Amino acid sequence: MKYKITLIKSLAGRFKKHIATANSLGLRRIGDETVQPDNEQTRGKIRQISYLIRVEETK
């Protein structure tokens, strides 16, 4: 299983750690999407910036 992650809120004015987490997922601008594998590292990143993103499960 994989996660399709979309950035839905701006990174402006956020904690530097949260901006770095979004960038590590490949999310830089509103509307950017990425597909990531389902593993502990990805789940941790999703938990940290859950208020900025939309997550959908894909195959």
PDB file of N, CA and C in Angstrom:
ATOM      1  N   MET A   1       0.835  -1.166   0.000  1.00  0.00           N
ATOM      2  CA  MET A   1       0.000   0.000   0.000  1.00  0.00           C
ATOM      3  C   MET A   1       0.888   1.241   0.000  1.00  0.00           C
ATOM      4  N   LYS A   2       0.373   2.316  -0.586  1.00  0.00           N
ATOM      5  CA  LYS A   2       1.092   3.586  -0.630  1.00  0.00           C
ATOM      6  C   LYS A   2       0.145   4.708  -0.237  1.00  0.00           C
ATOM      7  N   TYR A   3       0.725   5.855   0.094  1.00  0.00           N
ATOM      8  CA  TYR A   3      -0.043   7.035   0.447  1.00  0.00           C
ATOM      9  C   TYR A   3       0.152   8.102  -0.612  1.00  0.00           C
ATOM     10  N   LYS A   4      -0.948   8.698  -1.055  1.00  0.00           N
ATOM     11  CA  LYS A   4      -0.890   9.864  -1.934  1.00  0.00           C
ATOM     12  C   LYS A   4      -1.084  11.071  -1.021  1.00  0.00           C
ATOM     13  N   ILE A   5      -0.076  11.931  -0.955  1.00  0.00           N
ATOM     14  CA  ILE A   5      -0.064  13.048  -0.025  1.00  0.00           C
ATOM     15  C   ILE A   5      -0.112  14.355  -0.808  1.00  0.00           C
ATOM     16  N   THR A   6      -1.036  15.242  -0.437  1.00  0.00           N
ATOM     17  CA  THR A   6      -1.211  16.524  -1.110  1.00  0.00           C
ATOM     18  C   THR A   6      -1.066  17.646  -0.088  1.00  0.00           C
ATOM     19  N   LEU A   7      -0.264  18.650  -0.416  1.00  0.00           N
ATOM     20  CA  LEU A   7      -0.121  19.819   0.448  1.00  0.00           C
ATOM     21  C   LEU A   7      -1.307  20.747   0.206  1.00  0.00           C
ATOM     22  N   ILE A   8      -2.099  21.021   1.260  1.00  0.00           N
ATOM     23  CA  ILE A   8      -3.307  21.833   1.093  1.00  0.00           C
ATOM     24  C   ILE A   8      -3.217  23.180   1.803  1.00  0.00           C
ATOM     25  N   LYS A   9      -2.207  23.383   2.647  1.00  0.00           N
ATOM     26  CA  LYS A   9      -2.027  24.661   3.325  1.00  0.00           C
ATOM     27  C   LYS A   9      -0.604  25.154   3.098  1.00  0.00           C
ATOM     28  N   SER A  10      -0.419  26.444   3.178  1.00  0.00           N
ATOM     29  CA  SER A  10       0.869  27.074   2.935  1.00  0.00           C
ATOM     30  C   SER A  10       1.885  26.717   4.025  1.00  0.00           C
ATOM     31  N   LEU A  11       3.159  26.708   3.636  1.00  0.00           N
ATOM     32  CA  LEU A  11       4.239  26.467   4.588  1.00  0.00           C
ATOM     33  C   LEU A  11       4.742  27.763   5.216  1.00  0.00           C
ATOM     34  N   ALA A  12       4.263  28.898   4.734  1.00  0.00           N
ATOM     35  CA  ALA A  12       4.708  30.195   5.244  1.00  0.00           C
ATOM     36  C   ALA A  12       4.354  30.345   6.723  1.00  0.00           C
ATOM     37  N   GLY A  13       5.321  30.719   7.516  1.00  0.00           N
ATOM     38  CA  GLY A  13       5.100  30.968   8.935  1.00  0.00           C
ATOM     39  C   GLY A  13       5.021  29.732   9.798  1.00  0.00           C
ATOM     40  N   ARG A  14       5.324  28.572   9.260  1.00  0.00           N
ATOM     41  CA  ARG A  14       5.264  27.320  10.039  1.00  0.00           C
ATOM     42  C   ARG A  14       6.593  27.083  10.744  1.00  0.00           C
ATOM     43  N   PHE A  15       6.599  26.119  11.662  1.00  0.00           N
ATOM     44  CA  PHE A  15       7.839  25.739  12.328  1.00  0.00           C
ATOM     45  C   PHE A  15       8.836  25.227  11.290  1.00  0.00           C
ATOM     46  N   LYS A  16      10.105  25.563  11.481  1.00  0.00           N
ATOM     47  CA  LYS A  16      11.136  25.141  10.530  1.00  0.00           C
ATOM     48  C   LYS A  16      11.187  23.626  10.394  1.00  0.00           C
ATOM     49  N   LYS A  17      10.943  22.933  11.482  1.00  0.00           N
ATOM     50  CA  LYS A  17      10.950  21.466  11.453  1.00  0.00           C
ATOM     51  C   LYS A  17       9.824  20.925  10.576  1.00  0.00           C
ATOM     52  N   HIS A  18       8.674  21.569  10.611  1.00  0.00           N
ATOM     53  CA  HIS A  18       7.540  21.128   9.807  1.00  0.00           C
ATOM     54  C   HIS A  18       7.766  21.429   8.327  1.00  0.00           C
ATOM     55  N   ILE A  19       8.400  22.558   8.031  1.00  0.00           N
ATOM     56  CA  ILE A  19       8.741  22.885   6.646  1.00  0.00           C
ATOM     57  C   ILE A  19       9.730  21.858   6.107  1.00  0.00           C
ATOM     58  N   ALA A  20      10.718  21.500   6.910  1.00  0.00           N
ATOM     59  CA  ALA A  20      11.712  20.508   6.492  1.00  0.00           C
ATOM     60  C   ALA A  20      11.068  19.150   6.261  1.00  0.00           C
ATOM     61  N   THR A  21      10.097  18.790   7.087  1.00  0.00           N
ATOM     62  CA  THR A  21       9.388  17.519   6.916  1.00  0.00           C
ATOM     63  C   THR A  21       8.604  17.511   5.611  1.00  0.00           C
ATOM     64  N   ALA A  22       7.898  18.601   5.321  1.00  0.00           N
ATOM     65  CA  ALA A  22       7.149  18.699   4.064  1.00  0.00           C
ATOM     66  C   ALA A  22       8.100  18.621   2.872  1.00  0.00           C
ATOM     67  N   ASN A  23       9.224  19.313   2.960  1.00  0.00           N
ATOM     68  CA  ASN A  23      10.201  19.282   1.874  1.00  0.00           C
ATOM     69  C   ASN A  23      10.778  17.884   1.684  1.00  0.00           C
ATOM     70  N   SER A  24      10.978  17.147   2.764  1.00  0.00           N
ATOM     71  CA  SER A  24      11.520  15.788   2.645  1.00  0.00           C
ATOM     72  C   SER A  24      10.537  14.846   1.958  1.00  0.00           C
ATOM     73  N   LEU A  25       9.249  15.189   2.012  1.00  0.00           N
ATOM     74  CA  LEU A  25       8.233  14.413   1.306  1.00  0.00           C
ATOM     75  C   LEU A  25       8.075  14.884  -0.146  1.00  0.00           C
ATOM     76  N   GLY A  26       8.763  15.955  -0.516  1.00  0.00           N
ATOM     77  CA  GLY A  26       8.674  16.477  -1.875  1.00  0.00           C
ATOM     78  C   GLY A  26       7.566  17.495  -2.047  1.00  0.00           C
ATOM     79  N   LEU A  27       7.091  18.059  -0.937  1.00  0.00           N
ATOM     80  CA  LEU A  27       5.994  19.031  -0.973  1.00  0.00           C
ATOM     81  C   LEU A  27       6.563  20.424  -0.750  1.00  0.00           C
ATOM     82  N   ARG A  28       6.448  21.283  -1.756  1.00  0.00           N
ATOM     83  CA  ARG A  28       7.009  22.612  -1.646  1.00  0.00           C
ATOM     84  C   ARG A  28       5.975  23.716  -1.820  1.00  0.00           C
ATOM     85  N   ARG A  29       4.956  23.485  -2.646  1.00  0.00           N
ATOM     86  CA  ARG A  29       3.916  24.480  -2.896  1.00  0.00           C
ATOM     87  C   ARG A  29       2.541  23.861  -2.677  1.00  0.00           C
ATOM     88  N   ILE A  30       1.569  24.704  -2.430  1.00  0.00           N
ATOM     89  CA  ILE A  30       0.196  24.227  -2.274  1.00  0.00           C
ATOM     90  C   ILE A  30      -0.207  23.505  -3.562  1.00  0.00           C
ATOM     91  N   GLY A  31      -0.791  22.337  -3.407  1.00  0.00           N
ATOM     92  CA  GLY A  31      -1.222  21.551  -4.559  1.00  0.00           C
ATOM     93  C   GLY A  31      -0.224  20.492  -4.978  1.00  0.00           C
ATOM     94  N   ASP A  32       1.012  20.545  -4.464  1.00  0.00           N
ATOM     95  CA  ASP A  32       1.999  19.514  -4.784  1.00  0.00           C
ATOM     96  C   ASP A  32       1.523  18.173  -4.239  1.00  0.00           C
ATOM     97  N   GLU A  33       1.727  17.115  -5.028  1.00  0.00           N
ATOM     98  CA  GLU A  33       1.346  15.765  -4.618  1.00  0.00           C
ATOM     99  C   GLU A  33       2.550  14.845  -4.718  1.00  0.00           C
ATOM    100  N   THR A  34       2.560  13.841  -3.873  1.00  0.00           N
ATOM    101  CA  THR A  34       3.603  12.834  -3.910  1.00  0.00           C
ATOM    102  C   THR A  34       3.008  11.504  -3.477  1.00  0.00           C
ATOM    103  N   VAL A  35       3.615  10.420  -3.937  1.00  0.00           N
ATOM    104  CA  VAL A  35       3.208   9.079  -3.521  1.00  0.00           C
ATOM    105  C   VAL A  35       4.354   8.487  -2.721  1.00  0.00           C
ATOM    106  N   GLN A  36       4.058   8.078  -1.497  1.00  0.00           N
ATOM    107  CA  GLN A  36       5.077   7.561  -0.584  1.00  0.00           C
ATOM    108  C   GLN A  36       4.691   6.157  -0.123  1.00  0.00           C
ATOM    109  N   PRO A  37       5.700   5.314   0.183  1.00  0.00           N
ATOM    110  CA  PRO A  37       5.405   3.967   0.674  1.00  0.00           C
ATOM    111  C   PRO A  37       4.832   4.005   2.093  1.00  0.00           C
ATOM    112  N   ASP A  38       4.102   2.966   2.443  1.00  0.00           N
ATOM    113  CA  ASP A  38       3.526   2.846   3.779  1.00  0.00           C
ATOM    114  C   ASP A  38       4.576   2.217   4.688  1.00  0.00           C
ATOM    115  N   ASN A  39       5.278   3.058   5.447  1.00  0.00           N
ATOM    116  CA  ASN A  39       6.232   2.556   6.431  1.00  0.00           C
ATOM    117  C   ASN A  39       6.238   3.499   7.636  1.00  0.00           C
ATOM    118  N   GLU A  40       6.983   3.138   8.661  1.00  0.00           N
ATOM    119  CA  GLU A  40       6.981   3.920   9.901  1.00  0.00           C
ATOM    120  C   GLU A  40       7.483   5.345   9.699  1.00  0.00           C
ATOM    121  N   GLN A  41       8.497   5.528   8.853  1.00  0.00           N
ATOM    122  CA  GLN A  41       9.032   6.863   8.620  1.00  0.00           C
ATOM    123  C   GLN A  41       7.984   7.769   7.983  1.00  0.00           C
ATOM    124  N   THR A  42       7.295   7.260   6.989  1.00  0.00           N
ATOM    125  CA  THR A  42       6.269   8.052   6.317  1.00  0.00           C
ATOM    126  C   THR A  42       5.121   8.366   7.261  1.00  0.00           C
ATOM    127  N   ARG A  43       4.700   7.392   8.047  1.00  0.00           N
ATOM    128  CA  ARG A  43       3.610   7.628   9.005  1.00  0.00           C
ATOM    129  C   ARG A  43       3.975   8.698  10.025  1.00  0.00           C
ATOM    130  N   GLY A  44       5.225   8.696  10.484  1.00  0.00           N
ATOM    131  CA  GLY A  44       5.688   9.717  11.427  1.00  0.00           C
ATOM    132  C   GLY A  44       5.656  11.103  10.820  1.00  0.00           C
ATOM    133  N   LYS A  45       6.073  11.217   9.554  1.00  0.00           N
ATOM    134  CA  LYS A  45       6.055  12.506   8.866  1.00  0.00           C
ATOM    135  C   LYS A  45       4.615  12.989   8.680  1.00  0.00           C
ATOM    136  N   ILE A  46       3.733  12.062   8.323  1.00  0.00           N
ATOM    137  CA  ILE A  46       2.316  12.411   8.142  1.00  0.00           C
ATOM    138  C   ILE A  46       1.719  12.897   9.458  1.00  0.00           C
ATOM    139  N   ARG A  47       2.042  12.225  10.553  1.00  0.00           N
ATOM    140  CA  ARG A  47       1.533  12.631  11.871  1.00  0.00           C
ATOM    141  C   ARG A  47       2.003  14.036  12.232  1.00  0.00           C
ATOM    142  N   GLN A  48       3.258  14.338  11.925  1.00  0.00           N
ATOM    143  CA  GLN A  48       3.819  15.631  12.320  1.00  0.00           C
ATOM    144  C   GLN A  48       3.172  16.801  11.585  1.00  0.00           C
ATOM    145  N   ILE A  49       2.885  16.631  10.308  1.00  0.00           N
ATOM    146  CA  ILE A  49       2.343  17.759   9.530  1.00  0.00           C
ATOM    147  C   ILE A  49       0.917  17.472   9.043  1.00  0.00           C
ATOM    148  N   SER A  50       0.164  16.701   9.800  1.00  0.00           N
ATOM    149  CA  SER A  50      -1.181  16.304   9.383  1.00  0.00           C
ATOM    150  C   SER A  50      -2.111  17.496   9.157  1.00  0.00           C
ATOM    151  N   TYR A  51      -1.856  18.605   9.827  1.00  0.00           N
ATOM    152  CA  TYR A  51      -2.706  19.784   9.677  1.00  0.00           C
ATOM    153  C   TYR A  51      -2.445  20.544   8.374  1.00  0.00           C
ATOM    154  N   LEU A  52      -1.398  20.159   7.635  1.00  0.00           N
ATOM    155  CA  LEU A  52      -1.046  20.833   6.383  1.00  0.00           C
ATOM    156  C   LEU A  52      -1.374  20.017   5.141  1.00  0.00           C
ATOM    157  N   ILE A  53      -1.706  18.745   5.316  1.00  0.00           N
ATOM    158  CA  ILE A  53      -1.793  17.837   4.165  1.00  0.00           C
ATOM    159  C   ILE A  53      -3.114  17.081   4.121  1.00  0.00           C
ATOM    160  N   ARG A  54      -3.381  16.474   2.951  1.00  0.00           N
ATOM    161  CA  ARG A  54      -4.482  15.532   2.778  1.00  0.00           C
ATOM    162  C   ARG A  54      -3.828  14.216   2.364  1.00  0.00           C
ATOM    163  N   VAL A  55      -4.261  13.116   2.972  1.00  0.00           N
ATOM    164  CA  VAL A  55      -3.668  11.806   2.713  1.00  0.00           C
ATOM    165  C   VAL A  55      -4.735  10.861   2.197  1.00  0.00           C
ATOM    166  N   GLU A  56      -4.404  10.157   1.096  1.00  0.00           N
ATOM    167  CA  GLU A  56      -5.283   9.135   0.549  1.00  0.00           C
ATOM    168  C   GLU A  56      -4.480   7.850   0.392  1.00  0.00           C
ATOM    169  N   GLU A  57      -5.116   6.716   0.670  1.00  0.00           N
ATOM    170  CA  GLU A  57      -4.450   5.430   0.481  1.00  0.00           C
ATOM    171  C   GLU A  57      -4.626   4.984  -0.968  1.00  0.00           C
ATOM    172  N   THR A  58      -3.543   4.476  -1.549  1.00  0.00           N
ATOM    173  CA  THR A  58      -3.590   3.952  -2.905  1.00  0.00           C
ATOM    174  C   THR A  58      -2.916   2.586  -2.925  1.00  0.00           C
ATOM    175  N   LYS A  59      -3.054   1.898  -4.045  1.00  0.00           N
ATOM    176  CA  LYS A  59      -2.404   0.596  -4.180  1.00  0.00           C
ATOM    177  C   LYS A  59      -1.124   0.706  -4.936  1.00  0.00           C
TER     178      LYS A  59
END
